[in-house]
């Protein structure tokens, strides 16, 4: 449970790239528009599930513009439990890829499939190395 800055990239309806910041001190020192944020209450998936506020999910999709790894860390107990998800789809970017792959492997999940966006696929066809693009990766339990 934590109160964090939610930084809006834009307040226009239908925009993306807004995100919860896990590093409020850095936000104050960065070029972010500090007038374009509000405080939000955040809680981990482990807290939600193990407080019995919510049933454990069978399937999870995480696409949160760079905060995927902290969210996975916040469900570590669920991933180790007998009620762990059957499948987790995570948007994986270059910076976090080694951390996410290692974390999921340590929690007995394997990559079942990785797929790129249309933009990423077009770049692959043109010979641009695929690791330079965000891809959606589906993880499933080893056993």
N, C-alpha and C. Protein backbone atom coordinates (compact mmCIF):
# COMPACT_ATOMS: atom_id res chain seq x y z
N UNK A 1 0.85 -1.17 0.00
CA UNK A 1 0.00 0.00 0.00
C UNK A 1 0.89 1.23 0.00
N UNK A 2 0.57 2.12 -0.88
CA UNK A 2 1.44 3.27 -1.02
C UNK A 2 0.69 4.39 -1.72
N UNK A 3 1.07 5.59 -1.42
CA UNK A 3 0.57 6.75 -2.15
C UNK A 3 1.69 7.17 -3.09
N UNK A 4 1.38 7.27 -4.38
CA UNK A 4 2.39 7.61 -5.37
C UNK A 4 1.87 8.67 -6.32
N UNK A 5 2.79 9.29 -7.02
CA UNK A 5 2.40 10.25 -8.06
C UNK A 5 1.89 9.49 -9.28
N UNK A 6 0.78 9.94 -9.82
CA UNK A 6 0.31 9.45 -11.11
C UNK A 6 0.53 10.60 -12.07
N UNK A 7 1.47 10.41 -12.99
CA UNK A 7 1.89 11.47 -13.88
C UNK A 7 1.17 11.32 -15.22
N UNK A 8 0.45 12.35 -15.60
CA UNK A 8 -0.28 12.36 -16.86
C UNK A 8 0.61 12.87 -17.98
N UNK A 9 0.71 12.10 -19.04
CA UNK A 9 1.41 12.57 -20.23
C UNK A 9 0.56 13.67 -20.87
N UNK A 10 -0.75 13.46 -20.83
CA UNK A 10 -1.71 14.44 -21.33
C UNK A 10 -3.03 14.19 -20.61
N UNK A 11 -3.79 15.21 -20.40
CA UNK A 11 -5.11 15.05 -19.78
C UNK A 11 -6.20 14.89 -20.83
N UNK A 12 -5.82 14.84 -22.11
CA UNK A 12 -6.80 14.64 -23.17
C UNK A 12 -7.37 13.23 -23.10
N UNK A 13 -8.64 13.10 -23.38
CA UNK A 13 -9.31 11.80 -23.36
C UNK A 13 -8.68 10.89 -24.41
N UNK A 14 -8.44 9.64 -24.04
CA UNK A 14 -7.95 8.64 -24.98
C UNK A 14 -6.44 8.62 -25.17
N UNK A 15 -5.70 9.42 -24.42
CA UNK A 15 -4.25 9.41 -24.58
C UNK A 15 -3.62 8.30 -23.73
N UNK A 16 -2.35 8.01 -24.02
CA UNK A 16 -1.64 6.98 -23.27
C UNK A 16 -0.35 7.56 -22.71
N UNK A 17 0.48 6.68 -22.19
CA UNK A 17 1.79 7.00 -21.63
C UNK A 17 1.74 7.71 -20.28
N UNK A 18 0.59 7.79 -19.65
CA UNK A 18 0.52 8.27 -18.27
C UNK A 18 0.86 7.08 -17.39
N UNK A 19 1.47 7.35 -16.23
CA UNK A 19 1.82 6.21 -15.40
C UNK A 19 2.04 6.58 -13.95
N UNK A 20 1.89 5.57 -13.13
CA UNK A 20 2.17 5.67 -11.71
C UNK A 20 3.68 5.70 -11.54
N UNK A 21 4.17 6.63 -10.76
CA UNK A 21 5.60 6.73 -10.55
C UNK A 21 5.97 6.08 -9.23
N UNK A 22 6.94 5.19 -9.29
CA UNK A 22 7.44 4.56 -8.08
C UNK A 22 8.62 5.31 -7.51
N UNK A 23 8.99 6.44 -8.17
CA UNK A 23 10.14 7.23 -7.74
C UNK A 23 9.76 8.71 -7.69
N UNK A 24 8.90 9.12 -6.74
CA UNK A 24 8.43 10.51 -6.72
C UNK A 24 9.55 11.54 -6.61
N UNK A 25 10.64 11.23 -5.91
CA UNK A 25 11.74 12.18 -5.77
C UNK A 25 12.33 12.49 -7.15
N UNK A 26 12.51 11.46 -7.99
CA UNK A 26 13.06 11.67 -9.32
C UNK A 26 12.12 12.53 -10.16
N UNK A 27 10.83 12.37 -9.97
CA UNK A 27 9.86 13.13 -10.76
C UNK A 27 10.02 14.63 -10.52
N UNK A 28 10.27 14.99 -9.27
CA UNK A 28 10.39 16.42 -8.94
C UNK A 28 11.61 17.04 -9.62
N UNK A 29 12.65 16.21 -9.82
CA UNK A 29 13.88 16.72 -10.40
C UNK A 29 13.94 16.57 -11.92
N UNK A 30 12.95 15.91 -12.50
CA UNK A 30 13.00 15.63 -13.93
C UNK A 30 12.27 16.71 -14.72
N UNK A 31 12.19 16.49 -16.01
CA UNK A 31 11.50 17.44 -16.89
C UNK A 31 10.00 17.18 -16.98
N UNK A 32 9.48 16.25 -16.16
CA UNK A 32 8.04 15.97 -16.20
C UNK A 32 7.27 17.22 -15.82
N UNK A 33 6.09 17.35 -16.39
CA UNK A 33 5.23 18.49 -16.05
C UNK A 33 4.65 18.23 -14.67
N UNK A 34 5.25 18.82 -13.65
CA UNK A 34 4.84 18.52 -12.28
C UNK A 34 3.42 18.97 -11.99
N UNK A 35 2.89 19.89 -12.79
CA UNK A 35 1.49 20.30 -12.58
C UNK A 35 0.52 19.29 -13.17
N UNK A 36 1.06 18.28 -13.86
CA UNK A 36 0.22 17.31 -14.54
C UNK A 36 0.25 15.95 -13.82
N UNK A 37 0.12 15.99 -12.50
CA UNK A 37 0.09 14.74 -11.75
C UNK A 37 -0.92 14.86 -10.61
N UNK A 38 -1.29 13.70 -10.09
CA UNK A 38 -2.10 13.67 -8.88
C UNK A 38 -1.68 12.47 -8.06
N UNK A 39 -1.98 12.50 -6.79
CA UNK A 39 -1.65 11.40 -5.91
C UNK A 39 -2.66 10.28 -6.07
N UNK A 40 -2.17 9.05 -6.12
CA UNK A 40 -3.03 7.87 -6.26
C UNK A 40 -2.62 6.85 -5.20
N UNK A 41 -3.61 6.12 -4.74
CA UNK A 41 -3.38 5.01 -3.82
C UNK A 41 -3.07 3.78 -4.66
N UNK A 42 -1.98 3.10 -4.35
CA UNK A 42 -1.59 1.90 -5.09
C UNK A 42 -1.43 0.74 -4.11
N UNK A 43 -1.80 -0.43 -4.56
CA UNK A 43 -1.68 -1.64 -3.75
C UNK A 43 -1.20 -2.77 -4.65
N UNK A 44 -0.43 -3.69 -4.09
CA UNK A 44 0.08 -4.81 -4.88
C UNK A 44 -1.01 -5.85 -5.12
N UNK A 45 -0.81 -6.64 -6.12
CA UNK A 45 -1.75 -7.74 -6.41
C UNK A 45 -1.73 -8.74 -5.25
N UNK A 46 -0.55 -8.99 -4.68
CA UNK A 46 -0.48 -9.88 -3.51
C UNK A 46 -1.38 -9.37 -2.38
N UNK A 47 -1.35 -8.07 -2.11
CA UNK A 47 -2.21 -7.52 -1.05
C UNK A 47 -3.68 -7.71 -1.38
N UNK A 48 -4.05 -7.49 -2.62
CA UNK A 48 -5.46 -7.67 -3.01
C UNK A 48 -5.91 -9.11 -2.86
N UNK A 49 -5.11 -10.03 -3.34
CA UNK A 49 -5.50 -11.44 -3.34
C UNK A 49 -5.44 -12.04 -1.95
N UNK A 50 -4.35 -11.80 -1.23
CA UNK A 50 -4.17 -12.47 0.06
C UNK A 50 -4.90 -11.77 1.20
N UNK A 51 -5.45 -10.60 0.96
CA UNK A 51 -6.33 -9.99 1.95
C UNK A 51 -7.75 -10.50 1.71
N UNK A 52 -7.89 -11.33 0.70
CA UNK A 52 -9.17 -11.93 0.29
C UNK A 52 -10.17 -10.88 -0.18
N UNK A 53 -9.64 -9.76 -0.67
CA UNK A 53 -10.49 -8.74 -1.26
C UNK A 53 -10.89 -9.13 -2.68
N UNK A 54 -10.02 -9.88 -3.35
CA UNK A 54 -10.26 -10.30 -4.73
C UNK A 54 -9.83 -11.75 -4.88
N UNK A 55 -10.52 -12.51 -5.69
CA UNK A 55 -10.07 -13.89 -5.95
C UNK A 55 -8.82 -13.85 -6.83
N UNK A 56 -7.97 -14.86 -6.73
CA UNK A 56 -6.77 -14.86 -7.58
C UNK A 56 -7.17 -15.01 -9.05
N UNK A 57 -6.54 -14.25 -9.92
CA UNK A 57 -6.88 -14.33 -11.34
C UNK A 57 -6.24 -15.55 -12.00
N UNK A 58 -6.92 -16.09 -13.00
CA UNK A 58 -6.35 -17.18 -13.79
C UNK A 58 -5.47 -16.65 -14.91
N UNK A 59 -5.82 -15.47 -15.43
CA UNK A 59 -5.10 -14.87 -16.55
C UNK A 59 -4.84 -13.40 -16.23
N UNK A 60 -3.62 -12.94 -16.55
CA UNK A 60 -3.25 -11.56 -16.28
C UNK A 60 -2.61 -10.97 -17.53
N UNK A 61 -2.93 -9.72 -17.83
CA UNK A 61 -2.28 -8.98 -18.90
C UNK A 61 -1.74 -7.69 -18.28
N UNK A 62 -0.44 -7.45 -18.49
CA UNK A 62 0.19 -6.26 -17.93
C UNK A 62 0.81 -5.44 -19.06
N UNK A 63 0.29 -4.25 -19.24
CA UNK A 63 0.81 -3.30 -20.24
C UNK A 63 0.68 -1.92 -19.61
N UNK A 64 1.72 -1.52 -18.90
CA UNK A 64 1.64 -0.30 -18.09
C UNK A 64 2.81 0.65 -18.35
N UNK A 65 3.21 0.74 -19.61
CA UNK A 65 4.18 1.74 -20.06
C UNK A 65 5.44 1.81 -19.20
N UNK A 66 6.08 0.67 -18.98
CA UNK A 66 7.36 0.67 -18.28
C UNK A 66 7.32 0.28 -16.82
N UNK A 67 6.16 0.08 -16.23
CA UNK A 67 6.06 -0.32 -14.83
C UNK A 67 5.75 -1.81 -14.67
N UNK A 68 5.99 -2.59 -15.72
CA UNK A 68 5.66 -4.02 -15.68
C UNK A 68 6.44 -4.75 -14.58
N UNK A 69 7.74 -4.49 -14.49
CA UNK A 69 8.55 -5.22 -13.52
C UNK A 69 8.12 -4.97 -12.07
N UNK A 70 7.90 -3.72 -11.64
CA UNK A 70 7.42 -3.52 -10.26
C UNK A 70 6.07 -4.20 -10.00
N UNK A 71 5.23 -4.26 -11.01
CA UNK A 71 3.93 -4.92 -10.82
C UNK A 71 4.12 -6.42 -10.66
N UNK A 72 5.00 -7.01 -11.46
CA UNK A 72 5.30 -8.44 -11.30
C UNK A 72 5.86 -8.70 -9.91
N UNK A 73 6.76 -7.85 -9.44
CA UNK A 73 7.33 -8.02 -8.10
C UNK A 73 6.24 -7.98 -7.03
N UNK A 74 5.20 -7.20 -7.27
CA UNK A 74 4.08 -7.09 -6.33
C UNK A 74 3.12 -8.26 -6.38
N UNK A 75 3.42 -9.27 -7.19
CA UNK A 75 2.60 -10.48 -7.21
C UNK A 75 3.46 -11.73 -7.02
N UNK A 76 4.62 -11.53 -6.41
CA UNK A 76 5.57 -12.62 -6.21
C UNK A 76 4.97 -13.79 -5.42
N UNK A 77 4.25 -13.49 -4.36
CA UNK A 77 3.63 -14.55 -3.55
C UNK A 77 2.57 -15.31 -4.35
N UNK A 78 1.79 -14.59 -5.12
CA UNK A 78 0.77 -15.23 -5.95
C UNK A 78 1.41 -16.18 -6.96
N UNK A 79 2.52 -15.76 -7.55
CA UNK A 79 3.19 -16.59 -8.56
C UNK A 79 3.76 -17.87 -7.97
N UNK A 80 4.03 -17.87 -6.67
CA UNK A 80 4.56 -19.05 -5.99
C UNK A 80 3.46 -19.92 -5.38
N UNK A 81 2.24 -19.42 -5.38
CA UNK A 81 1.15 -20.12 -4.68
C UNK A 81 0.54 -21.23 -5.52
N UNK A 82 -0.26 -22.05 -4.87
CA UNK A 82 -0.99 -23.11 -5.57
C UNK A 82 -2.08 -22.54 -6.47
N UNK A 83 -2.46 -21.30 -6.23
CA UNK A 83 -3.52 -20.66 -7.01
C UNK A 83 -2.95 -19.69 -8.05
N UNK A 84 -1.72 -19.95 -8.48
CA UNK A 84 -1.04 -19.05 -9.41
C UNK A 84 -1.74 -18.99 -10.77
N UNK A 85 -1.56 -17.89 -11.48
CA UNK A 85 -2.21 -17.73 -12.79
C UNK A 85 -1.75 -18.79 -13.80
N UNK A 86 -2.68 -19.15 -14.68
CA UNK A 86 -2.39 -20.11 -15.75
C UNK A 86 -1.58 -19.47 -16.86
N UNK A 87 -1.70 -18.16 -16.99
CA UNK A 87 -1.03 -17.45 -18.07
C UNK A 87 -0.90 -15.98 -17.70
N UNK A 88 0.25 -15.39 -18.05
CA UNK A 88 0.49 -13.96 -17.82
C UNK A 88 1.08 -13.37 -19.09
N UNK A 89 0.43 -12.35 -19.62
CA UNK A 89 0.97 -11.64 -20.78
C UNK A 89 1.55 -10.33 -20.30
N UNK A 90 2.82 -10.09 -20.65
CA UNK A 90 3.52 -8.90 -20.18
C UNK A 90 4.11 -8.18 -21.39
N UNK A 91 3.89 -6.87 -21.45
CA UNK A 91 4.57 -6.07 -22.45
C UNK A 91 6.00 -5.88 -21.95
N UNK A 92 6.96 -6.40 -22.71
CA UNK A 92 8.36 -6.40 -22.29
C UNK A 92 9.16 -5.42 -23.16
N UNK A 93 9.81 -4.47 -22.50
CA UNK A 93 10.67 -3.52 -23.22
C UNK A 93 12.13 -3.90 -22.96
N UNK A 94 13.01 -3.35 -23.76
CA UNK A 94 14.44 -3.72 -23.72
C UNK A 94 15.06 -3.59 -22.34
N UNK A 95 14.81 -2.46 -21.67
CA UNK A 95 15.48 -2.20 -20.40
C UNK A 95 15.13 -3.25 -19.35
N UNK A 96 13.89 -3.66 -19.32
CA UNK A 96 13.43 -4.58 -18.29
C UNK A 96 13.47 -6.05 -18.71
N UNK A 97 13.74 -6.31 -19.97
CA UNK A 97 13.66 -7.69 -20.48
C UNK A 97 14.47 -8.68 -19.64
N UNK A 98 15.76 -8.43 -19.36
CA UNK A 98 16.51 -9.42 -18.58
C UNK A 98 15.94 -9.62 -17.17
N UNK A 99 15.47 -8.53 -16.56
CA UNK A 99 14.91 -8.63 -15.21
C UNK A 99 13.61 -9.44 -15.22
N UNK A 100 12.76 -9.16 -16.19
CA UNK A 100 11.47 -9.85 -16.28
C UNK A 100 11.67 -11.33 -16.58
N UNK A 101 12.52 -11.64 -17.55
CA UNK A 101 12.76 -13.05 -17.90
C UNK A 101 13.34 -13.82 -16.72
N UNK A 102 14.29 -13.23 -16.02
CA UNK A 102 14.89 -13.88 -14.86
C UNK A 102 13.86 -14.05 -13.73
N UNK A 103 13.10 -13.00 -13.47
CA UNK A 103 12.08 -13.04 -12.42
C UNK A 103 11.06 -14.15 -12.69
N UNK A 104 10.59 -14.20 -13.92
CA UNK A 104 9.58 -15.21 -14.25
C UNK A 104 10.16 -16.62 -14.19
N UNK A 105 11.38 -16.79 -14.65
CA UNK A 105 12.07 -18.08 -14.56
C UNK A 105 12.21 -18.50 -13.10
N UNK A 106 12.58 -17.56 -12.23
CA UNK A 106 12.73 -17.85 -10.80
C UNK A 106 11.40 -18.20 -10.13
N UNK A 107 10.29 -17.82 -10.77
CA UNK A 107 8.97 -18.14 -10.25
C UNK A 107 8.33 -19.29 -11.03
N UNK A 108 9.17 -20.04 -11.74
CA UNK A 108 8.76 -21.25 -12.47
C UNK A 108 7.77 -20.98 -13.60
N UNK A 109 7.99 -19.89 -14.31
CA UNK A 109 7.21 -19.58 -15.51
C UNK A 109 8.17 -19.54 -16.70
N UNK A 110 7.70 -20.06 -17.81
CA UNK A 110 8.48 -20.06 -19.05
C UNK A 110 7.79 -19.23 -20.11
N UNK A 111 8.57 -18.75 -21.08
CA UNK A 111 8.00 -18.03 -22.22
C UNK A 111 7.26 -19.04 -23.09
N UNK A 112 5.96 -18.83 -23.28
CA UNK A 112 5.17 -19.69 -24.16
C UNK A 112 5.14 -19.10 -25.57
N UNK A 113 5.13 -17.77 -25.64
CA UNK A 113 5.07 -17.10 -26.93
C UNK A 113 5.44 -15.63 -26.75
N UNK A 114 6.11 -15.08 -27.75
CA UNK A 114 6.41 -13.64 -27.78
C UNK A 114 5.97 -13.12 -29.14
N UNK A 115 5.27 -12.02 -29.14
CA UNK A 115 4.82 -11.47 -30.41
C UNK A 115 4.98 -9.96 -30.43
N UNK A 116 5.34 -9.47 -31.61
CA UNK A 116 5.60 -8.05 -31.81
C UNK A 116 4.37 -7.36 -32.38
N UNK A 117 4.32 -6.07 -32.22
CA UNK A 117 3.27 -5.25 -32.83
C UNK A 117 3.48 -5.25 -34.34
N UNK A 118 2.52 -4.68 -35.06
CA UNK A 118 2.66 -4.56 -36.52
C UNK A 118 3.91 -3.76 -36.86
N UNK A 119 4.19 -2.71 -36.09
CA UNK A 119 5.39 -1.90 -36.30
C UNK A 119 6.65 -2.75 -36.11
N UNK A 120 6.67 -3.55 -35.06
CA UNK A 120 7.81 -4.41 -34.79
C UNK A 120 7.99 -5.48 -35.85
N UNK A 121 6.89 -6.06 -36.30
CA UNK A 121 6.96 -7.08 -37.35
C UNK A 121 7.49 -6.49 -38.65
N UNK A 122 7.05 -5.30 -38.98
CA UNK A 122 7.52 -4.63 -40.21
C UNK A 122 9.03 -4.40 -40.13
N UNK A 123 9.51 -3.99 -38.97
CA UNK A 123 10.94 -3.77 -38.78
C UNK A 123 11.71 -5.08 -38.90
N UNK A 124 11.16 -6.16 -38.35
CA UNK A 124 11.81 -7.47 -38.45
C UNK A 124 11.93 -7.90 -39.91
N UNK A 125 10.86 -7.70 -40.69
CA UNK A 125 10.87 -8.05 -42.11
C UNK A 125 11.95 -7.25 -42.85
N UNK A 126 12.16 -6.02 -42.42
CA UNK A 126 13.17 -5.16 -43.04
C UNK A 126 14.58 -5.46 -42.52
N UNK A 127 14.70 -6.42 -41.60
CA UNK A 127 16.01 -6.82 -41.11
C UNK A 127 16.51 -6.10 -39.88
N UNK A 128 15.68 -5.26 -39.27
CA UNK A 128 16.08 -4.58 -38.05
C UNK A 128 15.97 -5.59 -36.91
N UNK A 129 16.98 -5.63 -36.06
CA UNK A 129 17.02 -6.61 -34.99
C UNK A 129 15.82 -6.47 -34.06
N UNK A 130 15.13 -7.57 -33.80
CA UNK A 130 13.89 -7.58 -33.03
C UNK A 130 14.01 -7.16 -31.59
N UNK A 131 15.18 -7.32 -31.00
CA UNK A 131 15.29 -6.96 -29.58
C UNK A 131 15.14 -5.46 -29.34
N UNK A 132 15.13 -4.68 -30.41
CA UNK A 132 14.98 -3.24 -30.27
C UNK A 132 13.52 -2.81 -30.16
N UNK A 133 12.60 -3.74 -30.12
CA UNK A 133 11.18 -3.41 -30.08
C UNK A 133 10.51 -4.06 -28.89
N UNK A 134 9.52 -3.39 -28.40
CA UNK A 134 8.70 -3.93 -27.33
C UNK A 134 7.92 -5.13 -27.89
N UNK A 135 7.81 -6.16 -27.09
CA UNK A 135 7.00 -7.29 -27.53
C UNK A 135 6.13 -7.76 -26.36
N UNK A 136 5.01 -8.35 -26.71
CA UNK A 136 4.14 -8.95 -25.71
C UNK A 136 4.58 -10.39 -25.54
N UNK A 137 4.87 -10.75 -24.30
CA UNK A 137 5.37 -12.08 -24.00
C UNK A 137 4.38 -12.79 -23.10
N UNK A 138 4.04 -14.00 -23.49
CA UNK A 138 3.11 -14.81 -22.69
C UNK A 138 3.91 -15.85 -21.93
N UNK A 139 3.71 -15.84 -20.62
CA UNK A 139 4.38 -16.79 -19.72
C UNK A 139 3.36 -17.78 -19.20
N UNK A 140 3.80 -19.03 -19.07
CA UNK A 140 2.96 -20.07 -18.48
C UNK A 140 3.79 -20.86 -17.48
N UNK A 141 3.13 -21.43 -16.46
CA UNK A 141 3.87 -22.21 -15.46
C UNK A 141 4.61 -23.39 -16.09
N UNK A 142 5.76 -23.72 -15.54
CA UNK A 142 6.54 -24.86 -16.04
C UNK A 142 5.78 -26.17 -15.89
N UNK A 143 5.09 -26.31 -14.79
CA UNK A 143 4.38 -27.58 -14.56
C UNK A 143 2.90 -27.42 -14.52
